Amino acid sequence: MKYETTVKVKSQEKVIQLKQVLEALFYRNQELAKKAEEFIELIKKEGVEDSAWRRIQERLQMKHVPFYTMRNKLRDAGMIYKKDGIYFVSNQFSLRLKEMADIWEAFASQK
């Protein structure tokens, strides 16, 4: 299965916190960025069962569609993944960014 999403990059803005990374991912809806931060913190601390979606929605005070939009965007970016019905934090997002940075660095340093 192929997942993908868009991240907005602002070349003049220094990224120093997770909040800013999530704002770049949820650039069309900053409220979802805030909820996403809560959600991934919850996943990191406890792991979240896919079957617990209703409880998590209530905990985050979110309606059904925004919750799934947020969850899917995090998954599509490679920030979270599901294994055996449980969501975990993933390093796929950082791996793709590092690959892109390495490619750009190699290109930019060529004479």
PDB file of N, CA and C in Angstrom:
ATOM      1  N   MET A   1       0.851  -1.180   0.000  1.00  0.00           N
ATOM      2  CA  MET A   1       0.000   0.000   0.000  1.00  0.00           C
ATOM      3  C   MET A   1       0.894   1.240   0.000  1.00  0.00           C
ATOM      4  N   LYS A   2       0.538   2.197  -0.805  1.00  0.00           N
ATOM      5  CA  LYS A   2       1.344   3.409  -0.943  1.00  0.00           C
ATOM      6  C   LYS A   2       0.679   4.564  -0.198  1.00  0.00           C
ATOM      7  N   TYR A   3       1.465   5.247   0.629  1.00  0.00           N
ATOM      8  CA  TYR A   3       0.971   6.399   1.364  1.00  0.00           C
ATOM      9  C   TYR A   3       1.795   7.606   0.977  1.00  0.00           C
ATOM     10  N   GLU A   4       1.169   8.750   0.906  1.00  0.00           N
ATOM     11  CA  GLU A   4       1.891   9.989   0.648  1.00  0.00           C
ATOM     12  C   GLU A   4       1.066  11.172   1.118  1.00  0.00           C
ATOM     13  N   THR A   5       1.754  12.266   1.387  1.00  0.00           N
ATOM     14  CA  THR A   5       1.105  13.511   1.780  1.00  0.00           C
ATOM     15  C   THR A   5       2.043  14.658   1.462  1.00  0.00           C
ATOM     16  N   THR A   6       1.608  15.860   1.699  1.00  0.00           N
ATOM     17  CA  THR A   6       2.385  17.056   1.392  1.00  0.00           C
ATOM     18  C   THR A   6       2.808  17.746   2.680  1.00  0.00           C
ATOM     19  N   VAL A   7       4.058  18.213   2.696  1.00  0.00           N
ATOM     20  CA  VAL A   7       4.582  18.995   3.802  1.00  0.00           C
ATOM     21  C   VAL A   7       5.022  20.328   3.224  1.00  0.00           C
ATOM     22  N   LYS A   8       4.567  21.412   3.811  1.00  0.00           N
ATOM     23  CA  LYS A   8       4.916  22.753   3.337  1.00  0.00           C
ATOM     24  C   LYS A   8       6.238  23.180   3.968  1.00  0.00           C
ATOM     25  N   VAL A   9       7.203  23.527   3.117  1.00  0.00           N
ATOM     26  CA  VAL A   9       8.528  23.937   3.582  1.00  0.00           C
ATOM     27  C   VAL A   9       8.664  25.444   3.412  1.00  0.00           C
ATOM     28  N   LYS A  10       9.072  26.104   4.491  1.00  0.00           N
ATOM     29  CA  LYS A  10       9.345  27.542   4.452  1.00  0.00           C
ATOM     30  C   LYS A  10      10.844  27.706   4.655  1.00  0.00           C
ATOM     31  N   SER A  11      11.553  28.045   3.595  1.00  0.00           N
ATOM     32  CA  SER A  11      13.017  28.041   3.638  1.00  0.00           C
ATOM     33  C   SER A  11      13.613  29.049   4.614  1.00  0.00           C
ATOM     34  N   GLN A  12      12.892  30.085   4.934  1.00  0.00           N
ATOM     35  CA  GLN A  12      13.429  31.119   5.824  1.00  0.00           C
ATOM     36  C   GLN A  12      13.021  30.925   7.281  1.00  0.00           C
ATOM     37  N   GLU A  13      12.246  29.905   7.554  1.00  0.00           N
ATOM     38  CA  GLU A  13      11.766  29.672   8.921  1.00  0.00           C
ATOM     39  C   GLU A  13      12.509  28.507   9.548  1.00  0.00           C
ATOM     40  N   LYS A  14      13.167  28.761  10.654  1.00  0.00           N
ATOM     41  CA  LYS A  14      13.904  27.719  11.357  1.00  0.00           C
ATOM     42  C   LYS A  14      12.912  26.840  12.134  1.00  0.00           C
ATOM     43  N   VAL A  15      13.077  25.549  12.004  1.00  0.00           N
ATOM     44  CA  VAL A  15      12.216  24.592  12.689  1.00  0.00           C
ATOM     45  C   VAL A  15      12.945  24.119  13.950  1.00  0.00           C
ATOM     46  N   ILE A  16      12.362  24.414  15.096  1.00  0.00           N
ATOM     47  CA  ILE A  16      13.032  24.071  16.348  1.00  0.00           C
ATOM     48  C   ILE A  16      12.202  23.181  17.264  1.00  0.00           C
ATOM     49  N   GLN A  17      10.934  22.956  16.901  1.00  0.00           N
ATOM     50  CA  GLN A  17      10.061  22.149  17.755  1.00  0.00           C
ATOM     51  C   GLN A  17       9.192  21.238  16.896  1.00  0.00           C
ATOM     52  N   LEU A  18       8.728  20.155  17.513  1.00  0.00           N
ATOM     53  CA  LEU A  18       7.807  19.239  16.847  1.00  0.00           C
ATOM     54  C   LEU A  18       6.568  19.989  16.371  1.00  0.00           C
ATOM     55  N   LYS A  19       6.124  20.938  17.154  1.00  0.00           N
ATOM     56  CA  LYS A  19       4.940  21.726  16.808  1.00  0.00           C
ATOM     57  C   LYS A  19       5.078  22.322  15.404  1.00  0.00           C
ATOM     58  N   GLN A  20       6.244  22.828  15.070  1.00  0.00           N
ATOM     59  CA  GLN A  20       6.449  23.447  13.761  1.00  0.00           C
ATOM     60  C   GLN A  20       6.467  22.414  12.639  1.00  0.00           C
ATOM     61  N   VAL A  21       6.983  21.237  12.925  1.00  0.00           N
ATOM     62  CA  VAL A  21       6.957  20.160  11.928  1.00  0.00           C
ATOM     63  C   VAL A  21       5.509  19.795  11.620  1.00  0.00           C
ATOM     64  N   LEU A  22       4.702  19.664  12.660  1.00  0.00           N
ATOM     65  CA  LEU A  22       3.303  19.308  12.466  1.00  0.00           C
ATOM     66  C   LEU A  22       2.518  20.438  11.802  1.00  0.00           C
ATOM     67  N   GLU A  23       2.859  21.677  12.092  1.00  0.00           N
ATOM     68  CA  GLU A  23       2.215  22.805  11.405  1.00  0.00           C
ATOM     69  C   GLU A  23       2.537  22.783   9.913  1.00  0.00           C
ATOM     70  N   ALA A  24       3.727  22.317   9.545  1.00  0.00           N
ATOM     71  CA  ALA A  24       4.087  22.197   8.133  1.00  0.00           C
ATOM     72  C   ALA A  24       3.302  21.071   7.462  1.00  0.00           C
ATOM     73  N   LEU A  25       3.005  20.037   8.206  1.00  0.00           N
ATOM     74  CA  LEU A  25       2.209  18.927   7.683  1.00  0.00           C
ATOM     75  C   LEU A  25       0.731  19.300   7.590  1.00  0.00           C
ATOM     76  N   PHE A  26       0.236  19.989   8.598  1.00  0.00           N
ATOM     77  CA  PHE A  26      -1.179  20.389   8.652  1.00  0.00           C
ATOM     78  C   PHE A  26      -1.304  21.882   8.344  1.00  0.00           C
ATOM     79  N   TYR A  27      -0.636  22.325   7.304  1.00  0.00           N
ATOM     80  CA  TYR A  27      -0.601  23.754   6.985  1.00  0.00           C
ATOM     81  C   TYR A  27      -1.968  24.310   6.605  1.00  0.00           C
ATOM     82  N   ARG A  28      -2.885  23.488   6.230  1.00  0.00           N
ATOM     83  CA  ARG A  28      -4.240  23.954   5.895  1.00  0.00           C
ATOM     84  C   ARG A  28      -5.153  24.025   7.111  1.00  0.00           C
ATOM     85  N   ASN A  29      -4.744  23.389   8.214  1.00  0.00           N
ATOM     86  CA  ASN A  29      -5.586  23.356   9.404  1.00  0.00           C
ATOM     87  C   ASN A  29      -4.699  23.267  10.641  1.00  0.00           C
ATOM     88  N   GLN A  30      -4.362  24.415  11.199  1.00  0.00           N
ATOM     89  CA  GLN A  30      -3.463  24.466  12.343  1.00  0.00           C
ATOM     90  C   GLN A  30      -4.057  23.813  13.586  1.00  0.00           C
ATOM     91  N   GLU A  31      -5.363  23.764  13.696  1.00  0.00           N
ATOM     92  CA  GLU A  31      -5.997  23.100  14.834  1.00  0.00           C
ATOM     93  C   GLU A  31      -5.687  21.599  14.803  1.00  0.00           C
ATOM     94  N   LEU A  32      -5.659  21.014  13.595  1.00  0.00           N
ATOM     95  CA  LEU A  32      -5.301  19.601  13.480  1.00  0.00           C
ATOM     96  C   LEU A  32      -3.854  19.368  13.880  1.00  0.00           C
ATOM     97  N   ALA A  33      -2.990  20.335  13.653  1.00  0.00           N
ATOM     98  CA  ALA A  33      -1.588  20.214  14.066  1.00  0.00           C
ATOM     99  C   ALA A  33      -1.497  20.063  15.581  1.00  0.00           C
ATOM    100  N   LYS A  34      -2.283  20.835  16.298  1.00  0.00           N
ATOM    101  CA  LYS A  34      -2.289  20.746  17.760  1.00  0.00           C
ATOM    102  C   LYS A  34      -2.800  19.384  18.229  1.00  0.00           C
ATOM    103  N   LYS A  35      -3.883  18.931  17.612  1.00  0.00           N
ATOM    104  CA  LYS A  35      -4.448  17.632  17.977  1.00  0.00           C
ATOM    105  C   LYS A  35      -3.490  16.505  17.606  1.00  0.00           C
ATOM    106  N   ALA A  36      -2.800  16.655  16.473  1.00  0.00           N
ATOM    107  CA  ALA A  36      -1.850  15.639  16.026  1.00  0.00           C
ATOM    108  C   ALA A  36      -0.712  15.491  17.026  1.00  0.00           C
ATOM    109  N   GLU A  37      -0.268  16.604  17.582  1.00  0.00           N
ATOM    110  CA  GLU A  37       0.809  16.542  18.574  1.00  0.00           C
ATOM    111  C   GLU A  37       0.344  15.753  19.798  1.00  0.00           C
ATOM    112  N   GLU A  38      -0.872  16.011  20.249  1.00  0.00           N
ATOM    113  CA  GLU A  38      -1.418  15.258  21.381  1.00  0.00           C
ATOM    114  C   GLU A  38      -1.526  13.772  21.043  1.00  0.00           C
ATOM    115  N   PHE A  39      -1.995  13.504  19.832  1.00  0.00           N
ATOM    116  CA  PHE A  39      -2.207  12.124  19.398  1.00  0.00           C
ATOM    117  C   PHE A  39      -0.892  11.352  19.320  1.00  0.00           C
ATOM    118  N   ILE A  40       0.134  11.927  18.717  1.00  0.00           N
ATOM    119  CA  ILE A  40       1.386  11.179  18.602  1.00  0.00           C
ATOM    120  C   ILE A  40       2.106  11.054  19.951  1.00  0.00           C
ATOM    121  N   GLU A  41       1.897  12.030  20.823  1.00  0.00           N
ATOM    122  CA  GLU A  41       2.443  11.891  22.189  1.00  0.00           C
ATOM    123  C   GLU A  41       1.765  10.709  22.891  1.00  0.00           C
ATOM    124  N   LEU A  42       0.477  10.574  22.690  1.00  0.00           N
ATOM    125  CA  LEU A  42      -0.269   9.458  23.267  1.00  0.00           C
ATOM    126  C   LEU A  42       0.222   8.134  22.685  1.00  0.00           C
ATOM    127  N   ILE A  43       0.422   8.092  21.387  1.00  0.00           N
ATOM    128  CA  ILE A  43       0.927   6.884  20.731  1.00  0.00           C
ATOM    129  C   ILE A  43       2.309   6.540  21.281  1.00  0.00           C
ATOM    130  N   LYS A  44       3.158   7.540  21.410  1.00  0.00           N
ATOM    131  CA  LYS A  44       4.525   7.306  21.885  1.00  0.00           C
ATOM    132  C   LYS A  44       4.536   6.760  23.316  1.00  0.00           C
ATOM    133  N   LYS A  45       3.673   7.287  24.164  1.00  0.00           N
ATOM    134  CA  LYS A  45       3.638   6.868  25.571  1.00  0.00           C
ATOM    135  C   LYS A  45       2.992   5.503  25.757  1.00  0.00           C
ATOM    136  N   GLU A  46       1.873   5.282  25.066  1.00  0.00           N
ATOM    137  CA  GLU A  46       1.048   4.111  25.361  1.00  0.00           C
ATOM    138  C   GLU A  46       0.886   3.139  24.208  1.00  0.00           C
ATOM    139  N   GLY A  47       1.121   3.593  22.982  1.00  0.00           N
ATOM    140  CA  GLY A  47       0.655   2.817  21.838  1.00  0.00           C
ATOM    141  C   GLY A  47      -0.854   2.972  21.815  1.00  0.00           C
ATOM    142  N   VAL A  48      -1.442   3.038  20.669  1.00  0.00           N
ATOM    143  CA  VAL A  48      -2.892   3.242  20.577  1.00  0.00           C
ATOM    144  C   VAL A  48      -3.487   2.140  19.716  1.00  0.00           C
ATOM    145  N   GLU A  49      -4.420   1.421  20.273  1.00  0.00           N
ATOM    146  CA  GLU A  49      -5.113   0.384  19.512  1.00  0.00           C
ATOM    147  C   GLU A  49      -6.064   1.039  18.523  1.00  0.00           C
ATOM    148  N   ASP A  50      -6.070   0.508  17.310  1.00  0.00           N
ATOM    149  CA  ASP A  50      -6.962   1.028  16.275  1.00  0.00           C
ATOM    150  C   ASP A  50      -8.421   0.943  16.725  1.00  0.00           C
ATOM    151  N   SER A  51      -8.744  -0.070  17.483  1.00  0.00           N
ATOM    152  CA  SER A  51     -10.121  -0.258  17.954  1.00  0.00           C
ATOM    153  C   SER A  51     -10.538   0.779  19.003  1.00  0.00           C
ATOM    154  N   ALA A  52      -9.585   1.540  19.530  1.00  0.00           N
ATOM    155  CA  ALA A  52      -9.884   2.541  20.563  1.00  0.00           C
ATOM    156  C   ALA A  52     -10.180   3.910  19.963  1.00  0.00           C
ATOM    157  N   TRP A  53     -10.470   3.968  18.669  1.00  0.00           N
ATOM    158  CA  TRP A  53     -10.640   5.251  17.997  1.00  0.00           C
ATOM    159  C   TRP A  53     -11.702   6.123  18.649  1.00  0.00           C
ATOM    160  N   ARG A  54     -12.794   5.557  19.086  1.00  0.00           N
ATOM    161  CA  ARG A  54     -13.876   6.362  19.680  1.00  0.00           C
ATOM    162  C   ARG A  54     -13.406   7.003  20.997  1.00  0.00           C
ATOM    163  N   ARG A  55     -12.721   6.250  21.816  1.00  0.00           N
ATOM    164  CA  ARG A  55     -12.191   6.762  23.093  1.00  0.00           C
ATOM    165  C   ARG A  55     -11.153   7.856  22.830  1.00  0.00           C
ATOM    166  N   ILE A  56     -10.301   7.654  21.840  1.00  0.00           N
ATOM    167  CA  ILE A  56      -9.267   8.630  21.511  1.00  0.00           C
ATOM    168  C   ILE A  56      -9.896   9.906  20.962  1.00  0.00           C
ATOM    169  N   GLN A  57     -10.896   9.748  20.119  1.00  0.00           N
ATOM    170  CA  GLN A  57     -11.618  10.921  19.598  1.00  0.00           C
ATOM    171  C   GLN A  57     -12.188  11.755  20.737  1.00  0.00           C
ATOM    172  N   GLU A  58     -12.802  11.107  21.684  1.00  0.00           N
ATOM    173  CA  GLU A  58     -13.379  11.812  22.823  1.00  0.00           C
ATOM    174  C   GLU A  58     -12.280  12.480  23.654  1.00  0.00           C
ATOM    175  N   ARG A  59     -11.203  11.774  23.877  1.00  0.00           N
ATOM    176  CA  ARG A  59     -10.086  12.321  24.663  1.00  0.00           C
ATOM    177  C   ARG A  59      -9.506  13.569  23.994  1.00  0.00           C
ATOM    178  N   LEU A  60      -9.409  13.541  22.663  1.00  0.00           N
ATOM    179  CA  LEU A  60      -8.873  14.677  21.915  1.00  0.00           C
ATOM    180  C   LEU A  60      -9.944  15.713  21.576  1.00  0.00           C
ATOM    181  N   GLN A  61     -11.198  15.409  21.929  1.00  0.00           N
ATOM    182  CA  GLN A  61     -12.344  16.276  21.634  1.00  0.00           C
ATOM    183  C   GLN A  61     -12.414  16.570  20.139  1.00  0.00           C
ATOM    184  N   MET A  62     -12.479  15.479  19.365  1.00  0.00           N
ATOM    185  CA  MET A  62     -12.514  15.591  17.909  1.00  0.00           C
ATOM    186  C   MET A  62     -13.709  14.834  17.352  1.00  0.00           C
ATOM    187  N   LYS A  63     -14.223  15.333  16.250  1.00  0.00           N
ATOM    188  CA  LYS A  63     -15.266  14.630  15.515  1.00  0.00           C
ATOM    189  C   LYS A  63     -14.614  13.570  14.638  1.00  0.00           C
ATOM    190  N   HIS A  64     -15.442  12.702  14.082  1.00  0.00           N
ATOM    191  CA  HIS A  64     -14.989  11.540  13.322  1.00  0.00           C
ATOM    192  C   HIS A  64     -14.102  11.900  12.118  1.00  0.00           C
ATOM    193  N   VAL A  65     -14.580  12.750  11.227  1.00  0.00           N
ATOM    194  CA  VAL A  65     -13.839  13.057   9.998  1.00  0.00           C
ATOM    195  C   VAL A  65     -12.504  13.756  10.281  1.00  0.00           C
ATOM    196  N   PRO A  66     -12.452  14.800  11.116  1.00  0.00           N
ATOM    197  CA  PRO A  66     -11.146  15.405  11.403  1.00  0.00           C
ATOM    198  C   PRO A  66     -10.164  14.426  12.054  1.00  0.00           C
ATOM    199  N   PHE A  67     -10.671  13.541  12.905  1.00  0.00           N
ATOM    200  CA  PHE A  67      -9.802  12.555  13.547  1.00  0.00           C
ATOM    201  C   PHE A  67      -9.148  11.658  12.501  1.00  0.00           C
ATOM    202  N   TYR A  68      -9.952  11.112  11.597  1.00  0.00           N
ATOM    203  CA  TYR A  68      -9.398  10.224  10.573  1.00  0.00           C
ATOM    204  C   TYR A  68      -8.514  10.978   9.585  1.00  0.00           C
ATOM    205  N   THR A  69      -8.843  12.211   9.295  1.00  0.00           N
ATOM    206  CA  THR A  69      -7.982  13.033   8.444  1.00  0.00           C
ATOM    207  C   THR A  69      -6.618  13.192   9.092  1.00  0.00           C
ATOM    208  N   MET A  70      -6.605  13.516  10.370  1.00  0.00           N
ATOM    209  CA  MET A  70      -5.363  13.696  11.114  1.00  0.00           C
ATOM    210  C   MET A  70      -4.569  12.400  11.172  1.00  0.00           C
ATOM    211  N   ARG A  71      -5.229  11.332  11.565  1.00  0.00           N
ATOM    212  CA  ARG A  71      -4.544  10.033  11.686  1.00  0.00           C
ATOM    213  C   ARG A  71      -3.963   9.586  10.348  1.00  0.00           C
ATOM    214  N   ASN A  72      -4.724   9.724   9.289  1.00  0.00           N
ATOM    215  CA  ASN A  72      -4.261   9.298   7.971  1.00  0.00           C
ATOM    216  C   ASN A  72      -3.092  10.147   7.486  1.00  0.00           C
ATOM    217  N   LYS A  73      -3.121  11.428   7.760  1.00  0.00           N
ATOM    218  CA  LYS A  73      -2.030  12.304   7.333  1.00  0.00           C
ATOM    219  C   LYS A  73      -0.741  11.949   8.070  1.00  0.00           C
ATOM    220  N   LEU A  74      -0.823  11.658   9.348  1.00  0.00           N
ATOM    221  CA  LEU A  74       0.348  11.224  10.110  1.00  0.00           C
ATOM    222  C   LEU A  74       0.891   9.904   9.564  1.00  0.00           C
ATOM    223  N   ARG A  75      -0.010   8.995   9.247  1.00  0.00           N
ATOM    224  CA  ARG A  75       0.395   7.712   8.671  1.00  0.00           C
ATOM    225  C   ARG A  75       0.999   7.913   7.278  1.00  0.00           C
ATOM    226  N   ASP A  76       0.352   8.714   6.455  1.00  0.00           N
ATOM    227  CA  ASP A  76       0.813   8.937   5.088  1.00  0.00           C
ATOM    228  C   ASP A  76       2.182   9.602   5.044  1.00  0.00           C
ATOM    229  N   ALA A  77       2.487  10.430   6.033  1.00  0.00           N
ATOM    230  CA  ALA A  77       3.785  11.099   6.099  1.00  0.00           C
ATOM    231  C   ALA A  77       4.872  10.167   6.639  1.00  0.00           C
ATOM    232  N   GLY A  78       4.481   9.044   7.203  1.00  0.00           N
ATOM    233  CA  GLY A  78       5.452   8.114   7.773  1.00  0.00           C
ATOM    234  C   GLY A  78       5.797   8.412   9.216  1.00  0.00           C
ATOM    235  N   MET A  79       4.934   9.147   9.902  1.00  0.00           N
ATOM    236  CA  MET A  79       5.185   9.473  11.309  1.00  0.00           C
ATOM    237  C   MET A  79       4.650   8.404  12.252  1.00  0.00           C
ATOM    238  N   ILE A  80       3.611   7.694  11.806  1.00  0.00           N
ATOM    239  CA  ILE A  80       3.058   6.601  12.602  1.00  0.00           C
ATOM    240  C   ILE A  80       2.802   5.411  11.677  1.00  0.00           C
ATOM    241  N   TYR A  81       2.724   4.241  12.276  1.00  0.00           N
ATOM    242  CA  TYR A  81       2.357   3.039  11.526  1.00  0.00           C
ATOM    243  C   TYR A  81       1.547   2.125  12.437  1.00  0.00           C
ATOM    244  N   LYS A  82       0.841   1.209  11.805  1.00  0.00           N
ATOM    245  CA  LYS A  82       0.010   0.270  12.557  1.00  0.00           C
ATOM    246  C   LYS A  82       0.557  -1.135  12.365  1.00  0.00           C
ATOM    247  N   LYS A  83       0.714  -1.843  13.477  1.00  0.00           N
ATOM    248  CA  LYS A  83       1.140  -3.240  13.433  1.00  0.00           C
ATOM    249  C   LYS A  83       0.276  -4.011  14.413  1.00  0.00           C
ATOM    250  N   ASP A  84      -0.326  -5.081  13.935  1.00  0.00           N
ATOM    251  CA  ASP A  84      -1.193  -5.919  14.763  1.00  0.00           C
ATOM    252  C   ASP A  84      -2.271  -5.101  15.463  1.00  0.00           C
ATOM    253  N   GLY A  85      -2.819  -4.114  14.751  1.00  0.00           N
ATOM    254  CA  GLY A  85      -3.919  -3.313  15.275  1.00  0.00           C
ATOM    255  C   GLY A  85      -3.525  -2.224  16.252  1.00  0.00           C
ATOM    256  N   ILE A  86      -2.219  -1.966  16.405  1.00  0.00           N
ATOM    257  CA  ILE A  86      -1.751  -0.943  17.339  1.00  0.00           C
ATOM    258  C   ILE A  86      -0.881   0.057  16.589  1.00  0.00           C
ATOM    259  N   TYR A  87      -1.106   1.344  16.855  1.00  0.00           N
ATOM    260  CA  TYR A  87      -0.312   2.405  16.242  1.00  0.00           C
ATOM    261  C   TYR A  87       0.931   2.692  17.072  1.00  0.00           C
ATOM    262  N   PHE A  88       2.030   2.910  16.360  1.00  0.00           N
ATOM    263  CA  PHE A  88       3.316   3.232  16.957  1.00  0.00           C
ATOM    264  C   PHE A  88       3.914   4.425  16.215  1.00  0.00           C
ATOM    265  N   VAL A  89       4.856   5.112  16.850  1.00  0.00           N
ATOM    266  CA  VAL A  89       5.601   6.182  16.195  1.00  0.00           C
ATOM    267  C   VAL A  89       6.614   5.534  15.253  1.00  0.00           C
ATOM    268  N   SER A  90       6.766   6.107  14.068  1.00  0.00           N
ATOM    269  CA  SER A  90       7.653   5.569  13.042  1.00  0.00           C
ATOM    270  C   SER A  90       8.792   6.533  12.745  1.00  0.00           C
ATOM    271  N   ASN A  91       9.893   6.008  12.251  1.00  0.00           N
ATOM    272  CA  ASN A  91      10.996   6.870  11.832  1.00  0.00           C
ATOM    273  C   ASN A  91      11.041   7.060  10.313  1.00  0.00           C
ATOM    274  N   GLN A  92      10.056   6.570   9.593  1.00  0.00           N
ATOM    275  CA  GLN A  92      10.040   6.693   8.131  1.00  0.00           C
ATOM    276  C   GLN A  92      10.053   8.149   7.670  1.00  0.00           C
ATOM    277  N   PHE A  93       9.379   9.009   8.390  1.00  0.00           N
ATOM    278  CA  PHE A  93       9.342  10.434   8.034  1.00  0.00           C
ATOM    279  C   PHE A  93      10.751  11.021   8.038  1.00  0.00           C
ATOM    280  N   SER A  94      11.490  10.779   9.102  1.00  0.00           N
ATOM    281  CA  SER A  94      12.839  11.334   9.196  1.00  0.00           C
ATOM    282  C   SER A  94      13.776  10.687   8.183  1.00  0.00           C
ATOM    283  N   LEU A  95      13.578   9.424   7.886  1.00  0.00           N
ATOM    284  CA  LEU A  95      14.420   8.768   6.880  1.00  0.00           C
ATOM    285  C   LEU A  95      14.251   9.421   5.507  1.00  0.00           C
ATOM    286  N   ARG A  96      12.996   9.726   5.117  1.00  0.00           N
ATOM    287  CA  ARG A  96      12.762  10.373   3.815  1.00  0.00           C
ATOM    288  C   ARG A  96      13.377  11.771   3.797  1.00  0.00           C
ATOM    289  N   LEU A  97      13.241  12.506   4.899  1.00  0.00           N
ATOM    290  CA  LEU A  97      13.817  13.851   4.955  1.00  0.00           C
ATOM    291  C   LEU A  97      15.338  13.806   4.869  1.00  0.00           C
ATOM    292  N   LYS A  98      15.952  12.847   5.544  1.00  0.00           N
ATOM    293  CA  LYS A  98      17.412  12.710   5.495  1.00  0.00           C
ATOM    294  C   LYS A  98      17.879  12.363   4.088  1.00  0.00           C
ATOM    295  N   GLU A  99      17.153  11.477   3.428  1.00  0.00           N
ATOM    296  CA  GLU A  99      17.508  11.129   2.052  1.00  0.00           C
ATOM    297  C   GLU A  99      17.445  12.353   1.144  1.00  0.00           C
ATOM    298  N   MET A 100      16.379  13.128   1.280  1.00  0.00           N
ATOM    299  CA  MET A 100      16.247  14.340   0.459  1.00  0.00           C
ATOM    300  C   MET A 100      17.347  15.334   0.781  1.00  0.00           C
ATOM    301  N   ALA A 101      17.659  15.493   2.060  1.00  0.00           N
ATOM    302  CA  ALA A 101      18.717  16.422   2.461  1.00  0.00           C
ATOM    303  C   ALA A 101      20.063  15.978   1.898  1.00  0.00           C
ATOM    304  N   ASP A 102      20.346  14.691   1.942  1.00  0.00           N
ATOM    305  CA  ASP A 102      21.608  14.183   1.400  1.00  0.00           C
ATOM    306  C   ASP A 102      21.707  14.415  -0.100  1.00  0.00           C
ATOM    307  N   ILE A 103      20.627  14.162  -0.810  1.00  0.00           N
ATOM    308  CA  ILE A 103      20.617  14.385  -2.252  1.00  0.00           C
ATOM    309  C   ILE A 103      20.846  15.851  -2.564  1.00  0.00           C
ATOM    310  N   TRP A 104      20.149  16.737  -1.853  1.00  0.00           N
ATOM    311  CA  TRP A 104      20.310  18.159  -2.110  1.00  0.00           C
ATOM    312  C   TRP A 104      21.719  18.630  -1.760  1.00  0.00           C
ATOM    313  N   GLU A 105      22.234  18.162  -0.643  1.00  0.00           N
ATOM    314  CA  GLU A 105      23.581  18.544  -0.208  1.00  0.00           C
ATOM    315  C   GLU A 105      24.616  18.140  -1.253  1.00  0.00           C
ATOM    316  N   ALA A 106      24.503  16.918  -1.762  1.00  0.00           N
ATOM    317  CA  ALA A 106      25.439  16.439  -2.791  1.00  0.00           C
ATOM    318  C   ALA A 106      25.329  17.307  -4.048  1.00  0.00           C
ATOM    319  N   PHE A 107      24.105  17.601  -4.447  1.00  0.00           N
ATOM    320  CA  PHE A 107      23.912  18.419  -5.646  1.00  0.00           C
ATOM    321  C   PHE A 107      24.455  19.842  -5.450  1.00  0.00           C
ATOM    322  N   ALA A 108      24.113  20.459  -4.349  1.00  0.00           N
ATOM    323  CA  ALA A 108      24.492  21.854  -4.103  1.00  0.00           C
ATOM    324  C   ALA A 108      26.007  22.027  -3.935  1.00  0.00           C
ATOM    325  N   SER A 109      26.673  20.989  -3.466  1.00  0.00           N
ATOM    326  CA  SER A 109      28.117  21.117  -3.228  1.00  0.00           C
ATOM    327  C   SER A 109      28.945  20.809  -4.473  1.00  0.00           C
ATOM    328  N   GLN A 110      28.308  20.305  -5.533  1.00  0.00           N
ATOM    329  CA  GLN A 110      29.031  20.022  -6.771  1.00  0.00           C
ATOM    330  C   GLN A 110      29.393  21.318  -7.477  1.00  0.00           C
ATOM    331  N   LYS A 111      30.556  21.317  -8.112  1.00  0.00           N
ATOM    332  CA  LYS A 111      30.977  22.503  -8.869  1.00  0.00           C
ATOM    333  C   LYS A 111      30.954  22.231 -10.332  1.00  0.00           C
TER     334      LYS A 111
END
